Amino acid sequence: MKTDNQLNTEAIKLREKWGLNPYGSVDITSVVLSKLPDLTLLYIPFSEKTSGMCIKDGNIEIIGINLSMSKGRQRFTLAHELYHLLIEENSGKPIICNNPLRDDSEREADKFASYLLMSEEGLSQYCNMNSIISV
């Protein structure tokens, strides 16, 4: 399993590759639509247990997001699925995120999503600028 530091680094590398501020928050949907023009992004009402799914098979890249979830959850799920699509080795099998027994891959994708949406350094900078004590 990758460490938190490794996952944060992966998120920062992706931000740099896409020319994004490494410390600010990200409008992930707009960024993905502009940076991954061949990605098919679907918003569909999955069951309440399914946040999203992704498929990468050769040139085919698809991410499905549960339309029934809140906008914040949808953005997090998109960032989570990007981990499976862009960072993790993928066998071409669909990855459906609905398992309550989270394996290492799912935990890594969750942490990566958090760091992509707001890096650890960005959160620290925000806390310092706003006199927020972080624990």
Protein backbone atom coordinates (compact mmCIF):
# COMPACT_ATOMS: atom_id res chain seq x y z
CA MET A 1 0.00 0.00 0.00
CA LYS A 2 1.25 3.49 -0.86
CA THR A 3 1.95 5.89 1.98
CA ASP A 4 0.05 9.14 2.48
CA ASN A 5 3.16 11.03 1.39
CA GLN A 6 3.38 9.02 -1.86
CA LEU A 7 -0.30 9.64 -2.62
CA ASN A 8 0.05 13.36 -1.90
CA THR A 9 3.07 13.45 -4.22
CA GLU A 10 1.09 11.69 -6.97
CA ALA A 11 -1.68 14.26 -6.62
CA ILE A 12 0.79 17.16 -6.78
CA LYS A 13 2.46 15.64 -9.86
CA LEU A 14 -0.90 15.43 -11.61
CA ARG A 15 -1.68 19.04 -10.67
CA GLU A 16 1.72 20.09 -12.09
CA LYS A 17 1.18 18.06 -15.27
CA TRP A 18 -2.15 19.82 -15.76
CA GLY A 19 -0.67 23.25 -14.96
CA LEU A 20 -2.71 23.73 -11.78
CA ASN A 21 -1.78 25.59 -8.63
CA PRO A 22 -0.32 22.92 -6.31
CA TYR A 23 -1.91 24.54 -3.25
CA GLY A 24 -5.36 25.80 -4.20
CA SER A 25 -8.64 23.96 -4.42
CA VAL A 26 -9.61 22.46 -7.77
CA ASP A 27 -12.80 22.55 -9.82
CA ILE A 28 -12.20 18.94 -10.72
CA THR A 29 -15.02 18.54 -13.22
CA SER A 30 -13.94 21.47 -15.40
CA VAL A 31 -10.31 20.42 -15.22
CA VAL A 32 -11.03 16.81 -16.19
CA LEU A 33 -13.23 17.85 -19.11
CA SER A 34 -10.50 20.15 -20.45
CA LYS A 35 -7.47 17.92 -19.75
CA LEU A 36 -8.92 14.53 -20.73
CA PRO A 37 -10.90 15.20 -23.93
CA ASP A 38 -11.12 11.47 -24.81
CA LEU A 39 -12.61 10.52 -21.44
CA THR A 40 -16.28 9.61 -21.44
CA LEU A 41 -17.77 11.03 -18.24
CA LEU A 42 -21.23 9.73 -17.40
CA TYR A 43 -23.57 10.89 -14.66
CA ILE A 44 -26.05 8.11 -14.00
CA PRO A 45 -28.29 7.21 -11.05
CA PHE A 46 -26.53 4.14 -9.63
CA SER A 47 -27.83 2.40 -6.50
CA GLU A 48 -27.25 4.30 -3.27
CA LYS A 49 -24.36 1.94 -2.43
CA THR A 50 -22.41 2.81 -5.59
CA SER A 51 -20.51 6.10 -5.78
CA GLY A 52 -18.90 5.55 -9.15
CA MET A 53 -17.06 3.29 -11.54
CA CYS A 54 -14.34 3.44 -14.12
CA ILE A 55 -13.17 1.42 -17.09
CA LYS A 56 -9.85 1.67 -18.87
CA ASP A 57 -9.30 -0.75 -21.70
CA GLY A 58 -6.84 0.34 -24.35
CA ASN A 59 -8.04 3.70 -25.67
CA ILE A 60 -11.40 3.42 -23.93
CA GLU A 61 -11.64 5.50 -20.75
CA ILE A 62 -14.98 5.83 -18.97
CA ILE A 63 -15.87 7.22 -15.56
CA GLY A 64 -19.39 6.90 -14.22
CA ILE A 65 -20.54 9.06 -11.32
CA ASN A 66 -23.67 8.48 -9.24
CA LEU A 67 -26.02 11.31 -10.18
CA SER A 68 -28.07 10.67 -7.03
CA MET A 69 -25.27 11.79 -4.70
CA SER A 70 -24.51 15.34 -3.58
CA LYS A 71 -22.38 17.56 -5.83
CA GLY A 72 -19.53 17.42 -3.31
CA ARG A 73 -19.65 13.63 -3.24
CA GLN A 74 -19.73 13.56 -7.06
CA ARG A 75 -16.56 15.68 -7.23
CA PHE A 76 -14.82 13.48 -4.67
CA THR A 77 -15.86 10.37 -6.60
CA LEU A 78 -14.50 11.84 -9.83
CA ALA A 79 -11.13 12.48 -8.16
CA HIS A 80 -11.25 8.98 -6.65
CA GLU A 81 -11.91 7.38 -10.05
CA LEU A 82 -9.06 9.39 -11.58
CA TYR A 83 -6.72 7.51 -9.27
CA HIS A 84 -7.93 4.19 -10.66
CA LEU A 85 -7.80 5.51 -14.22
CA LEU A 86 -4.52 7.46 -14.28
CA ILE A 87 -2.32 6.31 -11.39
CA GLU A 88 -3.14 2.72 -10.50
CA GLU A 89 -2.23 -0.21 -12.70
CA ASN A 90 -5.51 -1.32 -14.25
CA SER A 91 -6.23 -4.69 -15.79
CA GLY A 92 -9.01 -3.46 -18.08
CA LYS A 93 -11.72 -4.78 -15.76
CA PRO A 94 -14.38 -2.31 -14.60
CA ILE A 95 -13.81 -0.94 -11.11
CA ILE A 96 -17.07 -0.34 -9.28
CA CYS A 97 -16.81 1.51 -6.00
CA ASN A 98 -19.54 0.02 -3.82
CA ASN A 99 -17.79 -2.44 -1.54
CA PRO A 100 -18.27 -1.64 2.16
CA LEU A 101 -15.11 -3.69 2.90
CA ARG A 102 -12.64 -1.19 1.44
CA ASP A 103 -9.49 -2.81 0.10
CA ASP A 104 -6.10 -1.07 -0.15
CA SER A 105 -6.83 0.18 -3.67
CA GLU A 106 -10.02 1.90 -2.54
CA ARG A 107 -8.37 3.48 0.49
CA GLU A 108 -5.51 4.73 -1.70
CA ALA A 109 -7.99 6.18 -4.20
CA ASP A 110 -9.84 7.97 -1.37
CA LYS A 111 -6.65 9.52 -0.01
CA PHE A 112 -5.45 10.48 -3.49
CA ALA A 113 -8.81 12.15 -4.16
CA SER A 114 -8.52 14.17 -0.97
CA TYR A 115 -5.00 15.30 -1.86
CA LEU A 116 -5.95 16.09 -5.45
CA LEU A 117 -8.88 18.24 -4.37
CA MET A 118 -6.77 19.98 -1.70
CA SER A 119 -3.14 19.02 -1.16
CA GLU A 120 -1.73 18.59 2.31
CA GLU A 121 0.46 21.65 1.75
CA GLY A 122 -2.52 23.61 0.46
CA LEU A 123 -4.58 22.74 3.52
CA SER A 124 -1.71 23.72 5.79
CA GLN A 125 -1.27 27.02 3.94
CA TYR A 126 -5.01 27.71 4.19
CA CYS A 127 -4.99 26.98 7.93
CA ASN A 128 -2.00 29.29 8.47
CA MET A 129 -3.55 32.12 6.42
CA ASN A 130 -6.81 31.88 8.35
CA SER A 131 -5.34 31.29 11.82
CA ILE A 132 -6.87 27.83 12.03
CA ILE A 133 -5.09 25.41 14.32
CA SER A 134 -4.75 22.04 12.64
CA VAL A 135 -4.30 18.84 14.55
